[in-house]
Amino acid sequence: MNTLQQTFNQMIQTHLATVPWSRVAGVSAAILMGMIILYTVGFASSDVIHSAAHDLRHGLSFPCH
């Protein structure tokens, strides 16, 4: 039984990975920016949203009309 427990502990230690702080900061910044954009767009008037989406579609060469 002791061997089984040692094997299990070794498996857990090899599967645990440390996440670099830069990745945590990057993901956190992306989530924060996404929330800011959604909040801003949520309170914008409909004409502003339509114009921004329309200009973005044209900028990406996506046909919209």
Protein backbone atom coordinates (compact mmCIF):
# COMPACT_ATOMS: atom_id res chain seq x y z
CA MET A 1 0.00 0.00 0.00
CA ASN A 2 2.86 2.34 0.69
CA THR A 3 4.14 1.79 -2.85
CA LEU A 4 0.72 2.65 -4.25
CA GLN A 5 0.63 5.86 -2.27
CA GLN A 6 4.14 6.82 -3.44
CA THR A 7 3.19 6.12 -7.04
CA PHE A 8 0.04 8.21 -6.69
CA ASN A 9 2.00 11.10 -5.13
CA GLN A 10 4.56 10.96 -7.95
CA MET A 11 1.79 11.04 -10.56
CA ILE A 12 0.21 14.09 -8.93
CA GLN A 13 3.52 15.92 -8.68
CA THR A 14 4.33 15.33 -12.34
CA HIS A 15 0.90 16.55 -13.49
CA LEU A 16 0.87 19.75 -11.47
CA ALA A 17 2.06 22.70 -13.50
CA THR A 18 2.96 26.14 -12.37
CA VAL A 19 1.33 28.95 -14.30
CA PRO A 20 3.68 31.84 -15.07
CA TRP A 21 2.65 35.18 -13.61
CA SER A 22 2.78 36.79 -17.07
CA ARG A 23 0.06 34.42 -18.31
CA VAL A 24 -2.15 35.15 -15.30
CA ALA A 25 -1.67 38.89 -15.83
CA GLY A 26 -2.37 38.60 -19.56
CA VAL A 27 -5.57 36.61 -19.10
CA SER A 28 -6.73 38.96 -16.34
CA ALA A 29 -6.07 42.00 -18.54
CA ALA A 30 -7.98 40.42 -21.45
CA ILE A 31 -10.97 39.65 -19.23
CA LEU A 32 -10.93 43.16 -17.80
CA MET A 33 -10.73 44.78 -21.24
CA GLY A 34 -13.56 42.56 -22.49
CA MET A 35 -15.74 43.57 -19.57
CA ILE A 36 -14.97 47.25 -20.16
CA ILE A 37 -15.84 46.94 -23.85
CA LEU A 38 -19.10 45.11 -23.11
CA TYR A 39 -20.06 47.67 -20.46
CA THR A 40 -19.27 50.58 -22.78
CA VAL A 41 -21.14 49.10 -25.74
CA GLY A 42 -24.06 48.19 -23.49
CA PHE A 43 -24.67 51.84 -22.63
CA ALA A 44 -23.92 53.30 -26.07
CA SER A 45 -26.77 54.51 -28.23
CA SER A 46 -27.90 52.15 -30.99
CA ASP A 47 -26.68 54.45 -33.78
CA VAL A 48 -23.17 54.43 -32.39
CA ILE A 49 -23.15 50.63 -32.09
CA HIS A 50 -24.47 50.19 -35.62
CA SER A 51 -21.92 52.58 -37.09
CA ALA A 52 -19.05 50.94 -35.24
CA ALA A 53 -20.09 47.45 -36.30
CA HIS A 54 -20.69 48.62 -39.87
CA ASP A 55 -17.27 50.25 -40.10
CA LEU A 56 -15.63 47.18 -38.59
CA ARG A 57 -17.28 44.93 -41.16
CA HIS A 58 -16.04 47.14 -43.99
CA GLY A 59 -12.58 47.28 -42.43
CA LEU A 60 -12.41 43.48 -42.42
CA SER A 61 -13.69 43.31 -46.04
CA PHE A 62 -16.79 41.45 -44.85
CA PRO A 63 -19.87 42.11 -46.98
CA CYS A 64 -22.69 43.54 -44.92
CA HIS A 65 -25.11 44.90 -47.51
